[in-house]
Amino acid sequence: MGGDPESPAGDARSSVVQSALERYQGPLVRYVARILADVDRSADVVQETFLRLWASDHPPAGPALGQWLYTVARNLALDVRRKERRMNPLSEVQLAVTADVGDGPDAQAERDESVQLALEALKSLSENQQEVVRLKFQHHFSYKEIAGITGLSVTNVGFLLHTALKKLRQQMTHDGTAERGLRVQP
């Protein structure tokens, strides 16, 4: 288990954990909040994730650290969700709407409608598709990193992303959302 915080190894461990906290705490809380649909519980899960990093005999280094943190946080969040038998509503998807300066109320109303259509399109994706889309476009992970986090194969990640984006494109084109200048950023 974790070492003595007063030892040189403890100082190095503190430095690694502090650096990881600064870089990953916010993104991890947002990621876990989308799984649990509860910011307070997600903060608890992320805290437990960093405690496990501290207690790890061989913490990962470099680029593997982020993947390790996301994997541990995801697994802890899924455990919490299983225990509580709750499903994650996709209610806080980030949408970026491109707007011209000086748009009037009509343009704003049209964008609001487009946002609602995009949210509905995202809700139509499977849970796995929603997760890989978020990891790819919100957290900027590679296919290989997403595979490591989710336990899926790289090929499966690629397939899920391809089919999710194709489905979103079809739905948004069908609904007219794409023509209205809406750009979805999961």
Protein backbone atom coordinates (compact mmCIF):
# COMPACT_ATOMS: atom_id res chain seq x y z
CA MET A 1 0.00 0.00 0.00
CA GLY A 2 1.02 3.67 -0.13
CA GLY A 3 4.21 4.74 1.55
CA ASP A 4 5.03 7.08 4.39
CA PRO A 5 4.23 10.65 3.32
CA GLU A 6 7.36 11.87 5.18
CA SER A 7 9.76 9.63 3.21
CA PRO A 8 11.43 10.67 -0.07
CA ALA A 9 9.22 8.13 -1.88
CA GLY A 10 6.22 9.73 -0.18
CA ASP A 11 7.32 13.16 -1.44
CA ALA A 12 7.58 11.82 -5.00
CA ARG A 13 4.18 10.16 -4.65
CA SER A 14 2.69 13.41 -3.32
CA SER A 15 4.12 15.26 -6.29
CA VAL A 16 2.64 12.75 -8.77
CA VAL A 17 -0.77 12.81 -7.08
CA GLN A 18 -0.79 16.62 -6.81
CA SER A 19 0.13 16.99 -10.47
CA ALA A 20 -2.54 14.46 -11.46
CA LEU A 21 -5.14 16.26 -9.33
CA GLU A 22 -4.39 19.57 -11.01
CA ARG A 23 -4.61 18.13 -14.50
CA TYR A 24 -7.38 15.51 -14.25
CA GLN A 25 -9.70 16.32 -11.33
CA GLY A 26 -12.08 18.64 -13.22
CA PRO A 27 -12.34 16.53 -16.39
CA LEU A 28 -12.80 13.35 -14.31
CA VAL A 29 -15.60 14.89 -12.23
CA ARG A 30 -17.41 15.96 -15.44
CA TYR A 31 -16.90 12.52 -17.01
CA VAL A 32 -18.15 10.64 -13.94
CA ALA A 33 -21.05 13.10 -13.50
CA ARG A 34 -22.33 12.04 -16.90
CA ILE A 35 -22.24 8.42 -15.81
CA LEU A 36 -23.90 9.02 -12.44
CA ALA A 37 -25.97 12.15 -13.22
CA ASP A 38 -24.92 13.52 -9.82
CA VAL A 39 -22.02 15.94 -9.34
CA ASP A 40 -21.67 15.31 -5.58
CA ARG A 41 -21.44 11.54 -5.97
CA SER A 42 -19.07 11.96 -8.91
CA ALA A 43 -16.75 14.08 -6.73
CA ASP A 44 -16.73 11.22 -4.19
CA VAL A 45 -15.87 8.71 -6.93
CA VAL A 46 -13.05 10.91 -8.22
CA GLN A 47 -11.72 11.32 -4.67
CA GLU A 48 -11.67 7.53 -4.30
CA THR A 49 -9.86 7.31 -7.66
CA PHE A 50 -7.07 9.58 -6.41
CA LEU A 51 -6.89 7.68 -3.12
CA ARG A 52 -6.31 4.52 -5.14
CA LEU A 53 -3.59 6.30 -7.10
CA TRP A 54 -1.93 7.27 -3.82
CA ALA A 55 -2.21 3.71 -2.47
CA SER A 56 -0.93 2.09 -5.66
CA ASP A 57 2.41 0.32 -5.28
CA HIS A 58 3.25 0.96 -8.94
CA PRO A 59 1.36 4.03 -10.15
CA PRO A 60 1.37 4.55 -13.90
CA ALA A 61 3.52 7.30 -15.36
CA GLY A 62 3.34 9.55 -18.37
CA PRO A 63 0.46 9.19 -20.82
CA ALA A 64 -0.69 5.97 -19.15
CA LEU A 65 -1.65 7.93 -16.02
CA GLY A 66 -4.68 9.61 -17.62
CA GLN A 67 -5.94 6.35 -19.06
CA TRP A 68 -5.47 4.64 -15.68
CA LEU A 69 -7.37 7.40 -13.85
CA TYR A 70 -10.27 7.35 -16.33
CA THR A 71 -10.44 3.54 -16.17
CA VAL A 72 -10.51 3.45 -12.36
CA ALA A 73 -13.03 6.32 -12.17
CA ARG A 74 -15.26 4.68 -14.79
CA ASN A 75 -15.22 1.32 -13.02
CA LEU A 76 -15.97 2.92 -9.64
CA ALA A 77 -18.81 4.97 -11.17
CA LEU A 78 -20.31 1.91 -12.85
CA ASP A 79 -20.15 0.07 -9.51
CA VAL A 80 -22.00 2.94 -7.82
CA ARG A 81 -24.58 3.06 -10.58
CA ARG A 82 -25.12 -0.70 -10.46
CA LYS A 83 -25.66 -0.52 -6.72
CA GLU A 84 -28.19 2.26 -7.08
CA ARG A 85 -29.80 0.86 -10.26
CA ARG A 86 -29.93 4.28 -11.87
CA MET A 87 -29.55 5.08 -15.53
CA ASN A 88 -27.65 8.08 -16.84
CA PRO A 89 -29.80 10.62 -18.60
CA LEU A 90 -27.92 12.50 -21.25
CA SER A 91 -29.13 15.84 -19.97
CA GLU A 92 -25.98 17.94 -19.88
CA VAL A 93 -24.48 17.30 -23.29
CA GLN A 94 -22.35 20.21 -24.39
CA LEU A 95 -23.58 21.80 -27.58
CA ALA A 96 -21.80 24.56 -29.41
CA VAL A 97 -24.02 26.70 -31.55
CA THR A 98 -22.41 28.93 -34.11
CA ALA A 99 -24.14 32.27 -34.01
CA ASP A 100 -23.71 35.41 -36.03
CA VAL A 101 -23.24 38.65 -34.15
CA GLY A 102 -26.50 40.54 -34.00
CA ASP A 103 -28.81 37.54 -34.42
CA GLY A 104 -32.34 38.42 -33.53
CA PRO A 105 -34.95 36.55 -31.50
CA ASP A 106 -35.99 34.43 -34.50
CA ALA A 107 -32.46 33.14 -35.02
CA GLN A 108 -32.12 32.42 -31.28
CA ALA A 109 -35.43 30.51 -31.25
CA GLU A 110 -34.30 28.48 -34.25
CA ARG A 111 -31.01 27.63 -32.52
CA ASP A 112 -32.86 26.63 -29.34
CA GLU A 113 -35.01 24.28 -31.41
CA SER A 114 -31.90 22.88 -33.08
CA VAL A 115 -30.29 22.24 -29.70
CA GLN A 116 -33.36 20.29 -28.58
CA LEU A 117 -33.30 18.20 -31.76
CA ALA A 118 -29.60 17.48 -31.27
CA LEU A 119 -30.19 16.42 -27.65
CA GLU A 120 -32.90 14.04 -28.82
CA ALA A 121 -30.54 12.63 -31.46
CA LEU A 122 -27.83 12.04 -28.83
CA LYS A 123 -30.31 10.33 -26.51
CA SER A 124 -31.09 7.87 -29.29
CA LEU A 125 -27.54 6.50 -29.18
CA SER A 126 -26.76 3.45 -27.09
CA GLU A 127 -25.02 3.98 -23.76
CA ASN A 128 -21.76 2.61 -25.21
CA GLN A 129 -21.98 4.96 -28.19
CA GLN A 130 -22.65 7.96 -25.94
CA GLU A 131 -19.65 7.08 -23.79
CA VAL A 132 -17.16 6.63 -26.64
CA VAL A 133 -18.41 9.85 -28.30
CA ARG A 134 -17.85 11.76 -25.03
CA LEU A 135 -14.40 10.24 -24.49
CA LYS A 136 -13.35 11.03 -28.06
CA PHE A 137 -14.73 14.52 -28.54
CA GLN A 138 -15.02 15.94 -25.03
CA HIS A 139 -11.95 14.37 -23.44
CA HIS A 140 -9.89 14.01 -26.66
CA PHE A 141 -8.75 10.42 -26.09
CA SER A 142 -7.38 8.27 -28.90
CA TYR A 143 -9.14 5.07 -29.94
CA LYS A 144 -6.49 3.06 -28.10
CA GLU A 145 -6.96 5.09 -24.90
CA ILE A 146 -10.76 4.75 -25.14
CA ALA A 147 -10.34 1.00 -25.57
CA GLY A 148 -8.19 0.88 -22.44
CA ILE A 149 -10.69 2.91 -20.43
CA THR A 150 -13.81 1.02 -21.52
CA GLY A 151 -12.37 -2.46 -21.89
CA LEU A 152 -13.49 -2.60 -25.53
CA SER A 153 -11.24 -3.46 -28.45
CA VAL A 154 -9.82 -0.63 -30.56
CA THR A 155 -11.80 -2.00 -33.50
CA ASN A 156 -15.02 -1.94 -31.48
CA VAL A 157 -14.35 1.65 -30.38
CA GLY A 158 -13.89 2.66 -34.02
CA PHE A 159 -17.07 0.86 -35.02
CA LEU A 160 -19.09 2.45 -32.21
CA LEU A 161 -17.83 5.93 -33.10
CA HIS A 162 -18.45 5.42 -36.80
CA THR A 163 -22.00 4.16 -36.31
CA ALA A 164 -22.80 6.83 -33.69
CA LEU A 165 -21.61 9.68 -35.89
CA LYS A 166 -23.38 8.24 -38.92
CA LYS A 167 -26.62 7.97 -36.94
CA LEU A 168 -26.28 11.51 -35.58
CA ARG A 169 -25.53 12.88 -39.05
CA GLN A 170 -28.58 11.10 -40.51
CA GLN A 171 -30.90 12.27 -37.76
CA MET A 172 -29.65 15.84 -37.82
CA THR A 173 -29.85 16.03 -41.61
CA HIS A 174 -33.34 14.52 -41.54
CA ASP A 175 -34.47 16.97 -38.84
CA GLY A 176 -32.85 19.88 -40.64
CA THR A 177 -30.55 20.57 -37.71
CA ALA A 178 -27.35 20.43 -39.75
CA GLU A 179 -28.59 23.07 -42.16
CA ARG A 180 -29.31 25.46 -39.28
CA GLY A 181 -25.66 25.83 -38.29
CA LEU A 182 -25.69 23.59 -35.23
CA ARG A 183 -22.45 21.82 -34.42
CA VAL A 184 -22.60 19.07 -31.81
CA GLN A 185 -19.66 18.71 -29.46
CA PRO A 186 -20.39 15.80 -27.09
